[in-house]
Amino acid sequence: MTDPSFELFLPDPVIVPTLVSGLGLSKPSRKKHPFRILWTPEMLDYLKVNFPIQYTPDLVAYLQISRRTIERKARELGLEKEPGFLEKRRETISKMAVAAHPGNPHKGERGWTVPNSETTRFKPGHIPAIVNNPEIRKKCTALRNETIRIERMRIKYGLPQNTKLKLDPYAQPKIKQL
C-alpha cells in the first residue's frame, strides 16, 4: 500500500502521454539496444581500408561490433566490397557456408523412425486410403506407369536412370486385352 501523501505526486497514466505529446516531447525509446555505437576515427579508418578487401565476420571480430552495424555504417560511408570479391573467394566462402550449416545427421539412414511412433502410427483396423478410394488408386497407378515409361525411355536412349527401379531394357510394354 502506498503512502497517501505520496499519491499526490503520482501522475495519472492517462494524462501523462497527453501532456508529453502536447509539449512536443517524445516518449522514451523502447529499442532492443538503447545504446549507440561511438565510432572513433581509428575505427572508421580501419573500416574504410579493410571493408572492401576483408570478410565481414573478420571485421566483426576485430571491431567487436555486430555484423549488421558494420554493414549499416559501410552503406552510410558508401563503401562496397571490391569488384570480383565474391568470384576471387568463392571456394573459401562456400567452405564457410558449409561449415556454418551442418547437414542433417539422420539423412540417408534407412529405417530410421521417430522413437515410439510405430505404436501410434495407425489405429487398429486402419485401412489405407488407396484401398478404399478408387481415385487415389488411379492417380497412384498413373504416376507409377508414367515413371516407368520415362525410365524405359532413358534406358532406350542410354541415359542414366533417375530412380532405383529395376527395369528390363528389352521388355515391351504390356498391351491390355479387351
N, C-alpha and C. Protein backbone atom coordinates (compact mmCIF):
# COMPACT_ATOMS: atom_id res chain seq x y z
N MET A 1 0.85 -1.19 0.00
CA MET A 1 0.00 0.00 0.00
C MET A 1 0.88 1.23 0.00
N THR A 2 0.55 2.20 -0.81
CA THR A 2 1.36 3.42 -0.89
C THR A 2 0.91 4.41 0.16
N ASP A 3 1.83 5.25 0.51
CA ASP A 3 1.57 6.30 1.48
C ASP A 3 0.61 7.32 0.86
N PRO A 4 -0.49 7.72 1.56
CA PRO A 4 -1.46 8.66 0.97
C PRO A 4 -0.84 10.00 0.58
N SER A 5 0.15 10.46 1.31
CA SER A 5 0.76 11.74 0.93
C SER A 5 1.57 11.60 -0.36
N PHE A 6 2.07 10.38 -0.63
CA PHE A 6 2.85 10.14 -1.83
C PHE A 6 1.96 10.08 -3.07
N GLU A 7 0.70 9.65 -2.90
CA GLU A 7 -0.23 9.52 -4.01
C GLU A 7 -0.50 10.86 -4.69
N LEU A 8 -0.29 11.95 -4.00
CA LEU A 8 -0.49 13.26 -4.60
C LEU A 8 0.50 13.51 -5.73
N PHE A 9 1.65 12.89 -5.65
CA PHE A 9 2.69 13.12 -6.64
C PHE A 9 2.72 12.10 -7.77
N LEU A 10 1.92 11.04 -7.66
CA LEU A 10 1.89 10.03 -8.72
C LEU A 10 1.10 10.57 -9.91
N PRO A 11 1.65 10.53 -11.11
CA PRO A 11 0.91 11.04 -12.26
C PRO A 11 -0.17 10.07 -12.70
N ASP A 12 -1.21 10.62 -13.27
CA ASP A 12 -2.29 9.80 -13.81
C ASP A 12 -1.79 9.19 -15.12
N PRO A 13 -1.89 7.84 -15.31
CA PRO A 13 -1.34 7.22 -16.51
C PRO A 13 -2.02 7.69 -17.80
N VAL A 14 -3.22 8.20 -17.74
CA VAL A 14 -3.91 8.67 -18.94
C VAL A 14 -3.46 10.08 -19.29
N ILE A 15 -3.18 10.89 -18.30
CA ILE A 15 -2.83 12.29 -18.54
C ILE A 15 -1.39 12.45 -19.02
N VAL A 16 -0.47 11.60 -18.55
CA VAL A 16 0.95 11.77 -18.86
C VAL A 16 1.22 11.71 -20.38
N PRO A 17 0.73 10.70 -21.13
CA PRO A 17 1.02 10.71 -22.57
C PRO A 17 0.45 11.94 -23.26
N THR A 18 -0.71 12.44 -22.80
CA THR A 18 -1.30 13.62 -23.39
C THR A 18 -0.41 14.84 -23.14
N LEU A 19 0.09 14.97 -21.92
CA LEU A 19 0.98 16.08 -21.60
C LEU A 19 2.27 16.01 -22.40
N VAL A 20 2.83 14.79 -22.53
CA VAL A 20 4.09 14.63 -23.25
C VAL A 20 3.89 14.99 -24.71
N SER A 21 2.82 14.48 -25.35
CA SER A 21 2.62 14.77 -26.76
C SER A 21 2.23 16.24 -26.95
N GLY A 22 1.53 16.84 -25.99
CA GLY A 22 1.14 18.24 -26.10
C GLY A 22 2.32 19.18 -25.99
N LEU A 23 3.34 18.79 -25.28
CA LEU A 23 4.53 19.62 -25.12
C LEU A 23 5.55 19.39 -26.24
N GLY A 24 5.26 18.44 -27.14
CA GLY A 24 6.20 18.15 -28.23
C GLY A 24 7.35 17.27 -27.81
N LEU A 25 7.21 16.63 -26.65
CA LEU A 25 8.26 15.74 -26.18
C LEU A 25 7.99 14.33 -26.71
N SER A 26 9.04 13.60 -26.94
CA SER A 26 8.85 12.23 -27.42
C SER A 26 8.89 11.26 -26.25
N LYS A 27 8.28 10.12 -26.47
CA LYS A 27 8.30 9.07 -25.45
C LYS A 27 9.68 8.45 -25.40
N PRO A 28 10.03 7.87 -24.26
CA PRO A 28 11.33 7.19 -24.20
C PRO A 28 11.35 6.02 -25.17
N SER A 29 12.51 5.77 -25.76
CA SER A 29 12.66 4.71 -26.75
C SER A 29 12.62 3.34 -26.09
N ARG A 30 12.00 2.39 -26.78
CA ARG A 30 11.96 1.01 -26.28
C ARG A 30 12.74 0.11 -27.22
N LYS A 31 13.87 0.60 -27.69
CA LYS A 31 14.69 -0.19 -28.60
C LYS A 31 15.29 -1.37 -27.86
N LYS A 32 15.64 -2.39 -28.63
CA LYS A 32 16.25 -3.57 -28.04
C LYS A 32 17.62 -3.21 -27.48
N HIS A 33 18.36 -2.40 -28.22
CA HIS A 33 19.67 -1.95 -27.77
C HIS A 33 19.64 -0.43 -27.71
N PRO A 34 19.35 0.15 -26.57
CA PRO A 34 19.16 1.59 -26.48
C PRO A 34 20.46 2.40 -26.58
N PHE A 35 21.64 1.75 -26.61
CA PHE A 35 22.88 2.50 -26.67
C PHE A 35 23.34 2.65 -28.11
N ARG A 36 24.15 3.66 -28.35
CA ARG A 36 24.69 3.92 -29.69
C ARG A 36 26.15 3.51 -29.71
N ILE A 37 26.59 3.12 -30.88
CA ILE A 37 28.00 2.81 -31.07
C ILE A 37 28.73 4.13 -31.33
N LEU A 38 29.73 4.40 -30.56
CA LEU A 38 30.54 5.59 -30.77
C LEU A 38 31.70 5.22 -31.67
N TRP A 39 31.64 5.65 -32.91
CA TRP A 39 32.67 5.33 -33.89
C TRP A 39 33.84 6.28 -33.71
N THR A 40 34.98 5.74 -33.37
CA THR A 40 36.19 6.56 -33.25
C THR A 40 36.80 6.74 -34.64
N PRO A 41 37.63 7.74 -34.81
CA PRO A 41 38.30 7.93 -36.11
C PRO A 41 39.13 6.70 -36.52
N GLU A 42 39.74 6.03 -35.53
CA GLU A 42 40.53 4.83 -35.84
C GLU A 42 39.63 3.72 -36.37
N MET A 43 38.46 3.56 -35.76
CA MET A 43 37.52 2.53 -36.20
C MET A 43 37.05 2.83 -37.63
N LEU A 44 36.73 4.08 -37.90
CA LEU A 44 36.27 4.46 -39.24
C LEU A 44 37.37 4.27 -40.28
N ASP A 45 38.62 4.62 -39.92
CA ASP A 45 39.73 4.42 -40.85
C ASP A 45 39.92 2.94 -41.13
N TYR A 46 39.87 2.12 -40.08
CA TYR A 46 40.02 0.68 -40.26
C TYR A 46 38.91 0.13 -41.16
N LEU A 47 37.69 0.59 -40.93
CA LEU A 47 36.57 0.13 -41.74
C LEU A 47 36.74 0.56 -43.20
N LYS A 48 37.15 1.80 -43.44
CA LYS A 48 37.32 2.30 -44.81
C LYS A 48 38.40 1.52 -45.57
N VAL A 49 39.48 1.18 -44.87
CA VAL A 49 40.58 0.48 -45.52
C VAL A 49 40.25 -1.00 -45.74
N ASN A 50 39.64 -1.64 -44.75
CA ASN A 50 39.51 -3.10 -44.77
C ASN A 50 38.17 -3.63 -45.24
N PHE A 51 37.12 -2.82 -45.24
CA PHE A 51 35.81 -3.34 -45.65
C PHE A 51 35.82 -3.87 -47.08
N PRO A 52 36.43 -3.18 -48.03
CA PRO A 52 36.40 -3.68 -49.42
C PRO A 52 37.16 -5.00 -49.62
N ILE A 53 38.13 -5.32 -48.76
CA ILE A 53 39.00 -6.46 -49.03
C ILE A 53 38.89 -7.59 -48.02
N GLN A 54 38.19 -7.38 -46.91
CA GLN A 54 38.11 -8.42 -45.87
C GLN A 54 36.69 -8.95 -45.75
N TYR A 55 36.60 -10.17 -45.22
CA TYR A 55 35.29 -10.73 -44.91
C TYR A 55 34.69 -9.96 -43.75
N THR A 56 33.39 -9.78 -43.80
CA THR A 56 32.70 -9.05 -42.74
C THR A 56 32.85 -9.72 -41.37
N PRO A 57 32.79 -11.07 -41.26
CA PRO A 57 33.00 -11.68 -39.95
C PRO A 57 34.36 -11.34 -39.33
N ASP A 58 35.38 -11.16 -40.17
CA ASP A 58 36.69 -10.76 -39.64
C ASP A 58 36.64 -9.35 -39.07
N LEU A 59 35.92 -8.47 -39.75
CA LEU A 59 35.75 -7.10 -39.24
C LEU A 59 34.96 -7.10 -37.93
N VAL A 60 33.95 -7.96 -37.86
CA VAL A 60 33.15 -8.08 -36.64
C VAL A 60 34.04 -8.50 -35.48
N ALA A 61 34.91 -9.48 -35.70
CA ALA A 61 35.78 -9.97 -34.64
C ALA A 61 36.77 -8.89 -34.19
N TYR A 62 37.29 -8.12 -35.14
CA TYR A 62 38.28 -7.11 -34.79
C TYR A 62 37.65 -5.91 -34.09
N LEU A 63 36.54 -5.40 -34.64
CA LEU A 63 35.92 -4.19 -34.10
C LEU A 63 34.99 -4.45 -32.92
N GLN A 64 34.61 -5.72 -32.71
CA GLN A 64 33.69 -6.10 -31.63
C GLN A 64 32.35 -5.37 -31.74
N ILE A 65 31.84 -5.29 -32.98
CA ILE A 65 30.54 -4.67 -33.26
C ILE A 65 29.77 -5.67 -34.11
N SER A 66 28.46 -5.63 -34.05
CA SER A 66 27.66 -6.60 -34.78
C SER A 66 27.82 -6.43 -36.30
N ARG A 67 27.57 -7.53 -37.01
CA ARG A 67 27.66 -7.54 -38.47
C ARG A 67 26.72 -6.51 -39.06
N ARG A 68 25.52 -6.44 -38.55
CA ARG A 68 24.52 -5.51 -39.07
C ARG A 68 24.97 -4.06 -38.91
N THR A 69 25.57 -3.74 -37.77
CA THR A 69 26.04 -2.37 -37.53
C THR A 69 27.17 -2.01 -38.49
N ILE A 70 28.07 -2.95 -38.72
CA ILE A 70 29.18 -2.68 -39.64
C ILE A 70 28.65 -2.47 -41.06
N GLU A 71 27.73 -3.32 -41.48
CA GLU A 71 27.17 -3.16 -42.83
C GLU A 71 26.41 -1.84 -42.97
N ARG A 72 25.70 -1.45 -41.93
CA ARG A 72 24.96 -0.19 -41.97
C ARG A 72 25.92 0.99 -42.10
N LYS A 73 27.00 0.96 -41.31
CA LYS A 73 27.97 2.06 -41.35
C LYS A 73 28.68 2.09 -42.71
N ALA A 74 29.00 0.94 -43.25
CA ALA A 74 29.64 0.89 -44.57
C ALA A 74 28.72 1.48 -45.63
N ARG A 75 27.44 1.19 -45.55
CA ARG A 75 26.50 1.75 -46.51
C ARG A 75 26.42 3.27 -46.34
N GLU A 76 26.42 3.74 -45.09
CA GLU A 76 26.40 5.19 -44.85
C GLU A 76 27.63 5.87 -45.45
N LEU A 77 28.79 5.20 -45.38
CA LEU A 77 30.04 5.77 -45.89
C LEU A 77 30.21 5.53 -47.39
N GLY A 78 29.28 4.77 -48.00
CA GLY A 78 29.37 4.48 -49.42
C GLY A 78 30.40 3.42 -49.76
N LEU A 79 30.73 2.57 -48.80
CA LEU A 79 31.73 1.53 -49.03
C LEU A 79 31.08 0.30 -49.64
N GLU A 80 31.82 -0.36 -50.52
CA GLU A 80 31.37 -1.62 -51.11
C GLU A 80 32.56 -2.56 -51.17
N LYS A 81 32.28 -3.84 -51.31
CA LYS A 81 33.35 -4.81 -51.50
C LYS A 81 33.99 -4.55 -52.87
N GLU A 82 35.27 -4.90 -52.99
CA GLU A 82 35.97 -4.66 -54.25
C GLU A 82 35.33 -5.47 -55.37
N PRO A 83 35.44 -5.00 -56.61
CA PRO A 83 34.88 -5.76 -57.73
C PRO A 83 35.54 -7.14 -57.80
N GLY A 84 34.74 -8.16 -57.98
CA GLY A 84 35.26 -9.52 -58.05
C GLY A 84 35.54 -10.15 -56.70
N PHE A 85 35.13 -9.51 -55.61
CA PHE A 85 35.38 -10.05 -54.27
C PHE A 85 34.82 -11.45 -54.13
N LEU A 86 33.58 -11.66 -54.57
CA LEU A 86 32.94 -12.97 -54.45
C LEU A 86 33.61 -14.00 -55.34
N GLU A 87 33.91 -13.64 -56.59
CA GLU A 87 34.50 -14.59 -57.52
C GLU A 87 35.88 -15.04 -57.06
N LYS A 88 36.67 -14.11 -56.53
CA LYS A 88 38.02 -14.44 -56.08
C LYS A 88 38.00 -15.38 -54.87
N ARG A 89 36.98 -15.28 -54.06
CA ARG A 89 36.94 -16.03 -52.80
C ARG A 89 35.80 -17.04 -52.75
N ARG A 90 35.27 -17.42 -53.90
CA ARG A 90 34.10 -18.29 -53.94
C ARG A 90 34.34 -19.61 -53.21
N GLU A 91 35.49 -20.23 -53.40
CA GLU A 91 35.76 -21.52 -52.76
C GLU A 91 35.79 -21.39 -51.24
N THR A 92 36.46 -20.37 -50.74
CA THR A 92 36.53 -20.16 -49.29
C THR A 92 35.15 -19.84 -48.72
N ILE A 93 34.40 -19.01 -49.42
CA ILE A 93 33.05 -18.66 -48.96
C ILE A 93 32.16 -19.89 -48.94
N SER A 94 32.29 -20.76 -49.94
CA SER A 94 31.49 -21.99 -49.97
C SER A 94 31.82 -22.88 -48.78
N LYS A 95 33.11 -23.00 -48.47
CA LYS A 95 33.52 -23.81 -47.32
C LYS A 95 32.98 -23.22 -46.02
N MET A 96 33.01 -21.89 -45.91
CA MET A 96 32.48 -21.24 -44.71
C MET A 96 30.98 -21.48 -44.57
N ALA A 97 30.26 -21.45 -45.71
CA ALA A 97 28.82 -21.67 -45.67
C ALA A 97 28.49 -23.10 -45.27
N VAL A 98 29.24 -24.06 -45.80
CA VAL A 98 29.01 -25.47 -45.45
C VAL A 98 29.31 -25.69 -43.97
N ALA A 99 30.39 -25.08 -43.47
CA ALA A 99 30.74 -25.23 -42.06
C ALA A 99 29.69 -24.59 -41.14
N ALA A 100 29.07 -23.52 -41.61
CA ALA A 100 28.07 -22.82 -40.79
C ALA A 100 26.74 -23.55 -40.74
N HIS A 101 26.47 -24.42 -41.73
CA HIS A 101 25.19 -25.13 -41.79
C HIS A 101 25.44 -26.63 -41.89
N PRO A 102 25.67 -27.30 -40.75
CA PRO A 102 25.92 -28.74 -40.82
C PRO A 102 24.68 -29.48 -41.30
N GLY A 103 24.91 -30.60 -41.95
CA GLY A 103 23.81 -31.37 -42.52
C GLY A 103 23.00 -32.11 -41.47
N ASN A 104 21.92 -32.71 -41.92
CA ASN A 104 21.05 -33.49 -41.06
C ASN A 104 21.76 -34.80 -40.72
N PRO A 105 21.97 -35.11 -39.43
CA PRO A 105 22.69 -36.33 -39.08
C PRO A 105 21.93 -37.60 -39.44
N HIS A 106 20.63 -37.53 -39.66
CA HIS A 106 19.83 -38.71 -39.97
C HIS A 106 19.56 -38.86 -41.47
N LYS A 107 20.08 -37.96 -42.29
CA LYS A 107 19.81 -38.03 -43.72
C LYS A 107 20.45 -39.29 -44.30
N GLY A 108 19.66 -40.01 -45.06
CA GLY A 108 20.16 -41.21 -45.71
C GLY A 108 20.11 -42.46 -44.87
N GLU A 109 19.77 -42.35 -43.60
CA GLU A 109 19.67 -43.54 -42.76
C GLU A 109 18.43 -44.32 -43.16
N ARG A 110 18.63 -45.57 -43.40
CA ARG A 110 17.50 -46.41 -43.78
C ARG A 110 16.87 -46.95 -42.50
N GLY A 111 15.57 -46.91 -42.47
CA GLY A 111 14.85 -47.49 -41.36
C GLY A 111 14.77 -46.62 -40.12
N TRP A 112 15.28 -45.39 -40.19
CA TRP A 112 15.19 -44.53 -39.01
C TRP A 112 13.78 -43.99 -38.90
N THR A 113 13.19 -44.08 -37.73
CA THR A 113 11.86 -43.53 -37.48
C THR A 113 11.88 -42.77 -36.16
N VAL A 114 10.86 -42.01 -35.96
CA VAL A 114 10.71 -41.29 -34.71
C VAL A 114 10.49 -42.33 -33.61
N PRO A 115 11.20 -42.25 -32.50
CA PRO A 115 11.03 -43.26 -31.45
C PRO A 115 9.57 -43.35 -30.99
N ASN A 116 9.12 -44.58 -30.78
CA ASN A 116 7.76 -44.92 -30.31
C ASN A 116 6.66 -44.54 -31.29
N SER A 117 7.01 -44.19 -32.52
CA SER A 117 5.96 -43.83 -33.47
C SER A 117 5.27 -45.06 -34.04
N GLU A 118 5.94 -46.21 -33.99
CA GLU A 118 5.35 -47.42 -34.56
C GLU A 118 4.07 -47.81 -33.84
N THR A 119 4.04 -47.56 -32.54
CA THR A 119 2.87 -47.98 -31.76
C THR A 119 1.68 -47.07 -31.97
N THR A 120 1.92 -45.83 -32.41
CA THR A 120 0.81 -44.89 -32.54
C THR A 120 0.59 -44.44 -33.98
N ARG A 121 1.28 -45.05 -34.92
CA ARG A 121 1.19 -44.59 -36.30
C ARG A 121 -0.22 -44.79 -36.87
N PHE A 122 -0.78 -45.98 -36.70
CA PHE A 122 -2.11 -46.27 -37.23
C PHE A 122 -2.99 -46.82 -36.12
N LYS A 123 -4.24 -46.49 -36.20
CA LYS A 123 -5.21 -47.04 -35.25
C LYS A 123 -5.51 -48.48 -35.64
N PRO A 124 -5.96 -49.31 -34.68
CA PRO A 124 -6.33 -50.68 -35.02
C PRO A 124 -7.48 -50.68 -36.04
N GLY A 125 -7.35 -51.52 -37.06
CA GLY A 125 -8.38 -51.60 -38.09
C GLY A 125 -8.24 -50.56 -39.18
N HIS A 126 -7.13 -49.81 -39.19
CA HIS A 126 -6.93 -48.77 -40.20
C HIS A 126 -6.79 -49.40 -41.58
N ILE A 127 -7.49 -48.84 -42.54
CA ILE A 127 -7.39 -49.29 -43.93
C ILE A 127 -6.82 -48.12 -44.73
N PRO A 128 -5.72 -48.33 -45.46
CA PRO A 128 -5.12 -47.22 -46.23
C PRO A 128 -6.10 -46.64 -47.24
N ALA A 129 -5.97 -45.37 -47.53
CA ALA A 129 -6.88 -44.67 -48.43
C ALA A 129 -6.82 -45.24 -49.84
N ILE A 130 -5.67 -45.77 -50.23
CA ILE A 130 -5.54 -46.30 -51.58
C ILE A 130 -6.45 -47.52 -51.80
N VAL A 131 -6.79 -48.22 -50.71
CA VAL A 131 -7.66 -49.39 -50.82
C VAL A 131 -9.11 -48.96 -51.01
N ASN A 132 -9.53 -47.93 -50.30
CA ASN A 132 -10.94 -47.51 -50.30
C ASN A 132 -11.29 -46.51 -51.39
N ASN A 133 -10.34 -45.71 -51.83
CA ASN A 133 -10.64 -44.61 -52.74
C ASN A 133 -10.11 -44.93 -54.15
N PRO A 134 -11.02 -45.21 -55.11
CA PRO A 134 -10.56 -45.55 -56.46
C PRO A 134 -9.85 -44.40 -57.17
N GLU A 135 -10.17 -43.15 -56.84
CA GLU A 135 -9.50 -42.02 -57.48
C GLU A 135 -8.03 -41.96 -57.09
N ILE A 136 -7.76 -42.18 -55.81
CA ILE A 136 -6.37 -42.18 -55.35
C ILE A 136 -5.62 -43.34 -55.99
N ARG A 137 -6.28 -44.51 -56.09
CA ARG A 137 -5.64 -45.66 -56.71
C ARG A 137 -5.29 -45.35 -58.17
N LYS A 138 -6.21 -44.70 -58.90
CA LYS A 138 -5.96 -44.37 -60.31
C LYS A 138 -4.77 -43.40 -60.43
N LYS A 139 -4.72 -42.38 -59.53
CA LYS A 139 -3.62 -41.42 -59.57
C LYS A 139 -2.29 -42.11 -59.31
N CYS A 140 -2.25 -42.98 -58.30
CA CYS A 140 -1.01 -43.69 -57.96
C CYS A 140 -0.57 -44.59 -59.11
N THR A 141 -1.52 -45.30 -59.70
CA THR A 141 -1.20 -46.19 -60.82
C THR A 141 -0.70 -45.39 -62.01
N ALA A 142 -1.37 -44.30 -62.33
CA ALA A 142 -0.97 -43.47 -63.46
C ALA A 142 0.43 -42.88 -63.23
N LEU A 143 0.71 -42.42 -62.03
CA LEU A 143 2.01 -41.84 -61.71
C LEU A 143 3.11 -42.90 -61.83
N ARG A 144 2.84 -44.08 -61.31
CA ARG A 144 3.85 -45.14 -61.39
C ARG A 144 4.08 -45.54 -62.85
N ASN A 145 3.01 -45.69 -63.63
CA ASN A 145 3.17 -46.06 -65.04
C ASN A 145 3.94 -44.99 -65.81
N GLU A 146 3.70 -43.73 -65.51
CA GLU A 146 4.42 -42.63 -66.17
C GLU A 146 5.91 -42.68 -65.81
N THR A 147 6.20 -42.94 -64.53
CA THR A 147 7.59 -43.04 -64.10
C THR A 147 8.29 -44.20 -64.82
N ILE A 148 7.63 -45.33 -64.92
CA ILE A 148 8.20 -46.49 -65.62
C ILE A 148 8.43 -46.15 -67.09
N ARG A 149 7.47 -45.48 -67.72
CA ARG A 149 7.60 -45.12 -69.13
C ARG A 149 8.81 -44.21 -69.35
N ILE A 150 8.97 -43.21 -68.48
CA ILE A 150 10.09 -42.28 -68.60
C ILE A 150 11.42 -43.00 -68.38
N GLU A 151 11.46 -43.90 -67.39
CA GLU A 151 12.69 -44.64 -67.13
C GLU A 151 13.05 -45.55 -68.30
N ARG A 152 12.06 -46.17 -68.92
CA ARG A 152 12.33 -47.02 -70.09
C ARG A 152 12.88 -46.18 -71.25
N MET A 153 12.37 -44.96 -71.40
CA MET A 153 12.89 -44.08 -72.45
C MET A 153 14.35 -43.72 -72.16
N ARG A 154 14.66 -43.47 -70.90
CA ARG A 154 16.04 -43.14 -70.52
C ARG A 154 16.96 -44.32 -70.81
N ILE A 155 16.51 -45.53 -70.51
CA ILE A 155 17.31 -46.73 -70.79
C ILE A 155 17.49 -46.89 -72.30
N LYS A 156 16.42 -46.68 -73.05
CA LYS A 156 16.44 -46.85 -74.50
C LYS A 156 17.47 -45.93 -75.16
N TYR A 157 17.58 -44.69 -74.66
CA TYR A 157 18.50 -43.73 -75.25
C TYR A 157 19.85 -43.65 -74.54
N GLY A 158 20.09 -44.60 -73.63
CA GLY A 158 21.40 -44.68 -72.98
C GLY A 158 21.65 -43.65 -71.90
N LEU A 159 20.61 -43.08 -71.34
CA LEU A 159 20.76 -42.10 -70.27
C LEU A 159 20.72 -42.81 -68.92
N PRO A 160 21.33 -42.24 -67.89
CA PRO A 160 21.27 -42.89 -66.56
C PRO A 160 19.86 -42.79 -65.98
N GLN A 161 19.50 -43.80 -65.19
CA GLN A 161 18.17 -43.80 -64.58
C GLN A 161 18.10 -42.78 -63.45
N ASN A 162 16.90 -42.22 -63.25
CA ASN A 162 16.66 -41.28 -62.15
C ASN A 162 16.09 -41.97 -60.92
N THR A 163 15.64 -43.20 -61.08
CA THR A 163 15.04 -43.94 -59.97
C THR A 163 15.82 -45.24 -59.77
N LYS A 164 15.46 -45.97 -58.71
CA LYS A 164 16.09 -47.25 -58.44
C LYS A 164 15.24 -48.41 -58.94
N LEU A 165 14.33 -48.14 -59.84
CA LEU A 165 13.50 -49.20 -60.40
C LEU A 165 14.37 -50.16 -61.20
N LYS A 166 14.12 -51.44 -61.04
CA LYS A 166 14.86 -52.45 -61.80
C LYS A 166 14.01 -52.82 -63.00
N LEU A 167 14.32 -52.23 -64.13
CA LEU A 167 13.54 -52.45 -65.34
C LEU A 167 14.35 -53.23 -66.35
N ASP A 168 13.68 -54.09 -67.07
CA ASP A 168 14.31 -54.83 -68.15
C ASP A 168 14.35 -53.92 -69.37
N PRO A 169 15.54 -53.60 -69.88
CA PRO A 169 15.60 -52.67 -71.01
C PRO A 169 15.00 -53.22 -72.29
N TYR A 170 14.84 -54.57 -72.36
CA TYR A 170 14.32 -55.17 -73.59
C TYR A 170 12.84 -55.51 -73.49
N ALA A 171 12.22 -55.27 -72.32
CA ALA A 171 10.81 -55.64 -72.13
C ALA A 171 9.94 -54.69 -72.93
N GLN A 172 8.93 -55.24 -73.52
CA GLN A 172 7.93 -54.46 -74.27
C GLN A 172 6.78 -54.12 -73.33
N PRO A 173 6.18 -52.93 -73.46
CA PRO A 173 5.04 -52.62 -72.61
C PRO A 173 3.91 -53.61 -72.86
N LYS A 174 3.23 -53.95 -71.76
CA LYS A 174 2.12 -54.90 -71.86
C LYS A 174 0.91 -54.21 -72.47
N ILE A 175 0.26 -54.91 -73.38
CA ILE A 175 -0.94 -54.39 -74.02
C ILE A 175 -2.13 -55.07 -73.37
N LYS A 176 -3.07 -54.25 -72.92
CA LYS A 176 -4.26 -54.80 -72.26
C LYS A 176 -5.16 -55.46 -73.27
N GLN A 177 -5.63 -56.63 -72.92
CA GLN A 177 -6.59 -57.34 -73.74
C GLN A 177 -7.99 -56.91 -73.36
N LEU A 178 -8.83 -56.65 -74.33
CA LEU A 178 -10.20 -56.25 -74.05
C LEU A 178 -11.09 -57.40 -73.86
